[in-house]
Amino acid sequence: MTSRSIISSDRLLSLYTGGFLVFMFLPLLLMILSSFNDASPPTVTDWRGWTGKWYAFFWMPEEALRADPVLRVLDRDRMIACIGNSLYVGAIVVPLSLLLGLSGAVLLTRWRAKANSVLWWILLSPMLAPGIVLGLSALVFWQRLGIDAGLFTIIMAQVTFIAGYPMLILMARLQRQPVELEEAALDLGASPFRVFRRLTLPYLAPALISAGVIAFMASMENYNTTMFARGGACTFATEIGAMGRNANGHPPVINAVGTVIILLTVAGAVVHTLLQRREQR
């Protein structure tokens, strides 16, 4: 391969990478910019002045809310209640998913049997199933037991597939743990529970934190499964979806909420990176 062909391939790779980054992040930048435009539906081509009212929607006085022609048609109390429901669901889904995921990870990495491959696919199958199927199946199952659709069925439906994410993360961590440490502790007289509590859990602590964050984010943003299992309840994702289906265009409040989520995500990533560098030092 000549130097000219190498240069051309490098340029092609750079162009592809640049195009990919533009494709990924340009819509986000436009969304952020439109969240400061005093226009509804949100736009960046018809600029009508800078404003922060889309962000102030959640705390502005009731008089100011009723005076705005766009914000007064939105149900602020309902949206806040839906966000509270999502936080409540996530607070239950995360520990349940971590517990089930940890159990599955320990079982698949420590139990040596021919049924491991079959058990692997059984535990991962909810992650591969469509969200509509999971939501409807949870709805039908719990209604047959006399439980109406609501936050409980949302929690049960979400746990069925979100538990797979912690399981994969914890399995990757467990596979790197030296088994000799556990065997040595057992030979010295420690009980299996003590070995798990004193050796395995501390080793899994970073993975448990990461798995918990991912499980919480998956719970907050889940729409398909939640939509079919919610009954008359609402969550943050379903309420945003309902607002986005407005025939006249979605309100810019959605853009403001999306911008806040992006900023929180970036801030969390920066803090995580700084903590990692600090530990390495």
Protein backbone atom coordinates (compact mmCIF):
# COMPACT_ATOMS: atom_id res chain seq x y z
CA MET A 1 0.00 0.00 0.00
CA THR A 2 1.48 3.32 -1.08
CA SER A 3 1.70 6.42 1.11
CA ARG A 4 -0.83 8.18 -1.15
CA SER A 5 -3.43 5.45 -0.61
CA ILE A 6 -2.79 5.56 3.14
CA ILE A 7 -3.38 9.32 3.19
CA SER A 8 -6.58 8.97 1.17
CA SER A 9 -7.89 6.24 3.47
CA ASP A 10 -7.10 8.41 6.50
CA ARG A 11 -9.00 11.31 4.92
CA LEU A 12 -11.94 9.03 4.16
CA LEU A 13 -11.98 7.81 7.74
CA SER A 14 -11.82 11.41 9.02
CA LEU A 15 -14.69 12.45 6.75
CA TYR A 16 -16.77 9.49 7.88
CA THR A 17 -16.06 10.23 11.56
CA GLY A 18 -16.89 13.90 11.10
CA GLY A 19 -20.12 13.09 9.28
CA PHE A 20 -21.09 10.61 11.97
CA LEU A 21 -20.50 13.17 14.74
CA VAL A 22 -22.52 15.79 12.88
CA PHE A 23 -25.34 13.29 12.35
CA MET A 24 -25.33 12.40 16.04
CA PHE A 25 -24.90 15.78 17.72
CA LEU A 26 -26.34 18.39 15.34
CA PRO A 27 -29.98 17.51 16.26
CA LEU A 28 -29.08 17.85 19.93
CA LEU A 29 -27.49 21.25 19.36
CA LEU A 30 -30.54 22.41 17.42
CA MET A 31 -32.78 21.16 20.21
CA ILE A 32 -30.77 23.09 22.81
CA LEU A 33 -30.81 26.24 20.71
CA SER A 34 -34.54 26.06 20.06
CA SER A 35 -35.22 25.72 23.79
CA PHE A 36 -34.17 29.38 24.15
CA ASN A 37 -36.31 30.62 21.26
CA ASP A 38 -39.57 32.40 22.11
CA ALA A 39 -41.51 30.41 19.52
CA SER A 40 -43.84 27.44 19.61
CA PRO A 41 -43.56 24.86 18.13
CA PRO A 42 -39.78 24.97 18.65
CA THR A 43 -37.72 26.20 15.70
CA VAL A 44 -34.35 27.75 14.95
CA THR A 45 -35.22 29.21 11.53
CA ASP A 46 -37.94 31.54 12.83
CA TRP A 47 -36.13 33.30 15.66
CA ARG A 48 -38.38 35.43 17.87
CA GLY A 49 -36.02 36.36 20.66
CA TRP A 50 -34.25 34.74 23.57
CA THR A 51 -36.29 33.44 26.47
CA GLY A 52 -35.97 31.19 29.48
CA LYS A 53 -39.67 30.70 30.15
CA TRP A 54 -39.65 27.15 28.84
CA TYR A 55 -37.26 26.30 31.68
CA ALA A 56 -39.17 28.39 34.22
CA PHE A 57 -42.37 26.50 33.43
CA PHE A 58 -41.97 24.28 36.49
CA TRP A 59 -41.59 27.09 39.04
CA MET A 60 -43.05 30.28 37.55
CA PRO A 61 -45.99 31.91 39.39
CA GLU A 62 -49.46 30.77 38.47
CA GLU A 63 -50.37 34.25 37.16
CA ALA A 64 -47.46 34.28 34.72
CA LEU A 65 -48.29 30.73 33.66
CA ARG A 66 -51.89 31.62 32.87
CA ALA A 67 -50.85 34.73 30.97
CA ASP A 68 -48.72 32.80 28.46
CA PRO A 69 -50.76 31.47 25.51
CA VAL A 70 -48.59 28.34 25.14
CA LEU A 71 -47.87 27.39 28.74
CA ARG A 72 -51.39 27.87 30.03
CA VAL A 73 -52.68 24.90 28.03
CA LEU A 74 -50.12 22.58 29.70
CA ASP A 75 -50.96 20.75 32.90
CA ARG A 76 -47.97 21.49 35.10
CA ASP A 77 -49.25 19.56 38.12
CA ARG A 78 -49.80 16.45 36.02
CA MET A 79 -46.31 16.63 34.52
CA ILE A 80 -44.71 17.02 37.94
CA ALA A 81 -46.78 14.09 39.19
CA CYS A 82 -45.63 11.96 36.23
CA ILE A 83 -42.00 12.80 36.98
CA GLY A 84 -42.61 11.79 40.59
CA ASN A 85 -44.08 8.49 39.40
CA SER A 86 -40.96 7.83 37.31
CA LEU A 87 -38.71 8.50 40.31
CA TYR A 88 -40.86 6.20 42.46
CA VAL A 89 -40.76 3.44 39.84
CA GLY A 90 -37.01 3.83 39.38
CA ALA A 91 -36.43 3.69 43.14
CA ILE A 92 -37.99 0.22 43.19
CA VAL A 93 -36.84 -1.06 39.80
CA VAL A 94 -33.15 -0.35 40.45
CA PRO A 95 -32.69 -2.45 43.64
CA LEU A 96 -34.84 -5.26 42.25
CA SER A 97 -32.87 -5.28 38.99
CA LEU A 98 -29.55 -5.23 40.85
CA LEU A 99 -30.65 -8.13 43.06
CA LEU A 100 -31.88 -10.25 40.16
CA GLY A 101 -28.95 -9.29 37.95
CA LEU A 102 -26.44 -10.13 40.68
CA SER A 103 -28.11 -13.49 41.27
CA GLY A 104 -28.03 -14.30 37.56
CA ALA A 105 -24.41 -13.17 37.19
CA VAL A 106 -23.23 -15.28 40.12
CA LEU A 107 -25.21 -18.28 38.87
CA LEU A 108 -23.82 -18.10 35.33
CA THR A 109 -20.20 -17.46 36.34
CA ARG A 110 -19.90 -19.77 39.36
CA TRP A 111 -22.23 -22.63 38.44
CA ARG A 112 -20.58 -24.99 35.98
CA ALA A 113 -23.18 -27.13 34.27
CA LYS A 114 -24.37 -28.12 30.81
CA ALA A 115 -27.55 -26.10 31.36
CA ASN A 116 -25.58 -22.85 31.53
CA SER A 117 -26.05 -22.05 27.85
CA VAL A 118 -29.81 -22.67 28.07
CA LEU A 119 -30.04 -20.63 31.28
CA TRP A 120 -28.06 -17.83 29.61
CA TRP A 121 -30.62 -17.46 26.83
CA ILE A 122 -33.54 -17.74 29.25
CA LEU A 123 -32.22 -14.90 31.40
CA LEU A 124 -31.40 -12.72 28.40
CA SER A 125 -34.59 -13.38 26.44
CA PRO A 126 -36.54 -10.48 28.04
CA MET A 127 -33.92 -8.04 26.72
CA LEU A 128 -34.48 -9.36 23.20
CA ALA A 129 -38.28 -9.37 23.35
CA PRO A 130 -40.17 -6.33 21.99
CA GLY A 131 -41.24 -3.87 24.65
CA ILE A 132 -44.86 -4.13 23.51
CA VAL A 133 -44.85 -7.87 24.22
CA LEU A 134 -43.38 -7.37 27.69
CA GLY A 135 -45.85 -4.65 28.57
CA LEU A 136 -48.91 -6.55 27.35
CA SER A 137 -47.81 -9.82 28.93
CA ALA A 138 -47.26 -8.14 32.30
CA LEU A 139 -50.63 -6.42 32.00
CA VAL A 140 -52.49 -9.66 31.19
CA PHE A 141 -50.64 -11.72 33.81
CA TRP A 142 -51.25 -9.40 36.74
CA GLN A 143 -54.84 -8.67 35.72
CA ARG A 144 -55.52 -12.42 35.84
CA LEU A 145 -54.34 -12.26 39.46
CA GLY A 146 -56.75 -9.44 40.22
CA ILE A 147 -54.21 -6.57 40.12
CA ASP A 148 -55.20 -3.58 38.01
CA ALA A 149 -52.74 -1.86 35.72
CA GLY A 150 -50.79 0.94 37.31
CA LEU A 151 -47.41 1.67 38.83
CA PHE A 152 -47.10 -1.90 40.13
CA THR A 153 -47.48 -3.45 36.68
CA ILE A 154 -45.05 -0.84 35.30
CA ILE A 155 -42.47 -1.89 37.89
CA MET A 156 -42.92 -5.59 37.19
CA ALA A 157 -42.78 -5.09 33.42
CA GLN A 158 -39.64 -2.98 33.60
CA VAL A 159 -37.81 -5.33 35.96
CA THR A 160 -38.26 -8.25 33.55
CA PHE A 161 -35.84 -6.76 31.01
CA ILE A 162 -33.88 -4.10 32.94
CA ALA A 163 -32.44 -6.81 35.22
CA GLY A 164 -30.53 -8.07 32.18
CA TYR A 165 -28.33 -4.95 32.05
CA PRO A 166 -26.90 -5.33 35.57
CA MET A 167 -26.47 -9.05 34.95
CA LEU A 168 -24.24 -8.45 31.92
CA ILE A 169 -22.22 -5.74 33.68
CA LEU A 170 -21.72 -7.82 36.82
CA MET A 171 -20.85 -10.92 34.81
CA ALA A 172 -18.07 -9.03 33.05
CA ARG A 173 -16.73 -7.96 36.44
CA LEU A 174 -17.02 -11.40 38.03
CA GLN A 175 -15.20 -13.06 35.15
CA ARG A 176 -12.16 -10.90 35.95
CA GLN A 177 -12.16 -11.76 39.64
CA PRO A 178 -9.55 -14.36 40.63
CA VAL A 179 -11.47 -17.44 41.74
CA GLU A 180 -8.42 -18.51 43.77
CA LEU A 181 -9.18 -15.82 46.37
CA GLU A 182 -12.60 -17.30 47.07
CA GLU A 183 -11.24 -20.83 47.13
CA ALA A 184 -8.47 -19.83 49.56
CA ALA A 185 -10.98 -18.16 51.87
CA LEU A 186 -13.17 -21.28 51.81
CA ASP A 187 -10.16 -23.47 52.57
CA LEU A 188 -9.37 -21.27 55.58
CA GLY A 189 -12.81 -21.93 57.04
CA ALA A 190 -14.87 -18.97 55.85
CA SER A 191 -18.49 -19.66 55.04
CA PRO A 192 -19.76 -19.06 51.47
CA PHE A 193 -21.86 -16.13 52.70
CA ARG A 194 -18.85 -14.55 54.43
CA VAL A 195 -16.73 -15.00 51.30
CA PHE A 196 -19.42 -13.35 49.23
CA ARG A 197 -19.84 -10.46 51.69
CA ARG A 198 -16.15 -9.80 52.36
CA LEU A 199 -14.59 -10.57 48.97
CA THR A 200 -17.11 -10.63 46.14
CA LEU A 201 -19.32 -7.67 47.04
CA PRO A 202 -16.44 -5.19 47.60
CA TYR A 203 -14.94 -6.30 44.29
CA LEU A 204 -18.29 -5.76 42.57
CA ALA A 205 -18.94 -2.33 44.14
CA PRO A 206 -17.86 -0.22 41.10
CA ALA A 207 -19.86 -2.46 38.75
CA LEU A 208 -22.89 -2.29 41.04
CA ILE A 209 -22.81 1.52 40.95
CA SER A 210 -22.53 1.57 37.16
CA ALA A 211 -25.28 -1.02 36.80
CA GLY A 212 -27.52 0.96 39.13
CA VAL A 213 -27.08 4.14 37.10
CA ILE A 214 -27.79 2.34 33.83
CA ALA A 215 -30.84 0.60 35.32
CA PHE A 216 -32.21 3.93 36.57
CA MET A 217 -31.71 5.60 33.19
CA ALA A 218 -33.36 2.65 31.43
CA SER A 219 -36.33 2.90 33.77
CA MET A 220 -36.72 6.67 33.33
CA GLU A 221 -36.58 6.64 29.54
CA ASN A 222 -38.55 3.45 28.89
CA TYR A 223 -41.65 4.09 26.81
CA ASN A 224 -42.86 1.02 24.92
CA THR A 225 -43.11 -1.39 27.83
CA THR A 226 -44.40 1.28 30.21
CA MET A 227 -47.01 2.51 27.74
CA PHE A 228 -48.73 -0.89 27.53
CA ALA A 229 -48.45 -1.72 31.25
CA ARG A 230 -49.38 1.62 32.79
CA GLY A 231 -53.19 1.53 32.69
CA GLY A 232 -54.32 4.98 33.85
CA ALA A 233 -50.97 5.90 35.44
CA CYS A 234 -48.35 8.08 33.80
CA THR A 235 -44.58 8.40 33.87
CA PHE A 236 -42.13 10.97 32.61
CA ALA A 237 -41.59 9.09 29.32
CA THR A 238 -45.28 8.51 28.60
CA GLU A 239 -46.17 12.13 29.38
CA ILE A 240 -43.42 13.46 27.12
CA GLY A 241 -44.63 11.06 24.43
CA ALA A 242 -48.18 12.34 24.77
CA MET A 243 -47.01 15.95 24.54
CA GLY A 244 -44.90 15.12 21.49
CA ARG A 245 -47.92 13.74 19.63
CA ASN A 246 -49.59 17.16 19.60
CA ALA A 247 -50.97 17.77 16.11
CA ASN A 248 -49.90 21.44 16.28
CA GLY A 249 -46.31 20.59 17.27
CA HIS A 250 -44.86 19.75 20.65
CA PRO A 251 -44.31 22.57 23.17
CA PRO A 252 -40.73 23.83 23.66
CA VAL A 253 -40.91 22.66 27.28
CA ILE A 254 -39.87 19.25 25.95
CA ASN A 255 -36.73 20.80 24.45
CA ALA A 256 -35.96 22.47 27.76
CA VAL A 257 -36.36 19.18 29.65
CA GLY A 258 -34.16 17.43 27.08
CA THR A 259 -31.48 20.10 27.47
CA VAL A 260 -31.45 19.67 31.25
CA ILE A 261 -31.11 15.90 30.85
CA ILE A 262 -28.18 16.36 28.46
CA LEU A 263 -26.44 18.75 30.86
CA LEU A 264 -26.92 16.34 33.77
CA THR A 265 -25.57 13.46 31.69
CA VAL A 266 -22.49 15.42 30.62
CA ALA A 267 -21.90 16.61 34.19
CA GLY A 268 -22.15 13.05 35.47
CA ALA A 269 -19.68 11.83 32.84
CA VAL A 270 -17.22 14.62 33.72
CA VAL A 271 -17.45 13.87 37.44
CA HIS A 272 -16.96 10.15 36.77
CA THR A 273 -13.88 10.85 34.65
CA LEU A 274 -12.37 13.15 37.27
CA LEU A 275 -12.94 10.59 40.01
CA GLN A 276 -11.34 7.88 37.91
CA ARG A 277 -8.25 10.02 37.28
CA ARG A 278 -8.05 10.79 40.98
CA GLU A 279 -8.14 7.10 41.87
CA GLN A 280 -5.46 6.31 39.28
CA ARG A 281 -3.17 8.91 40.81
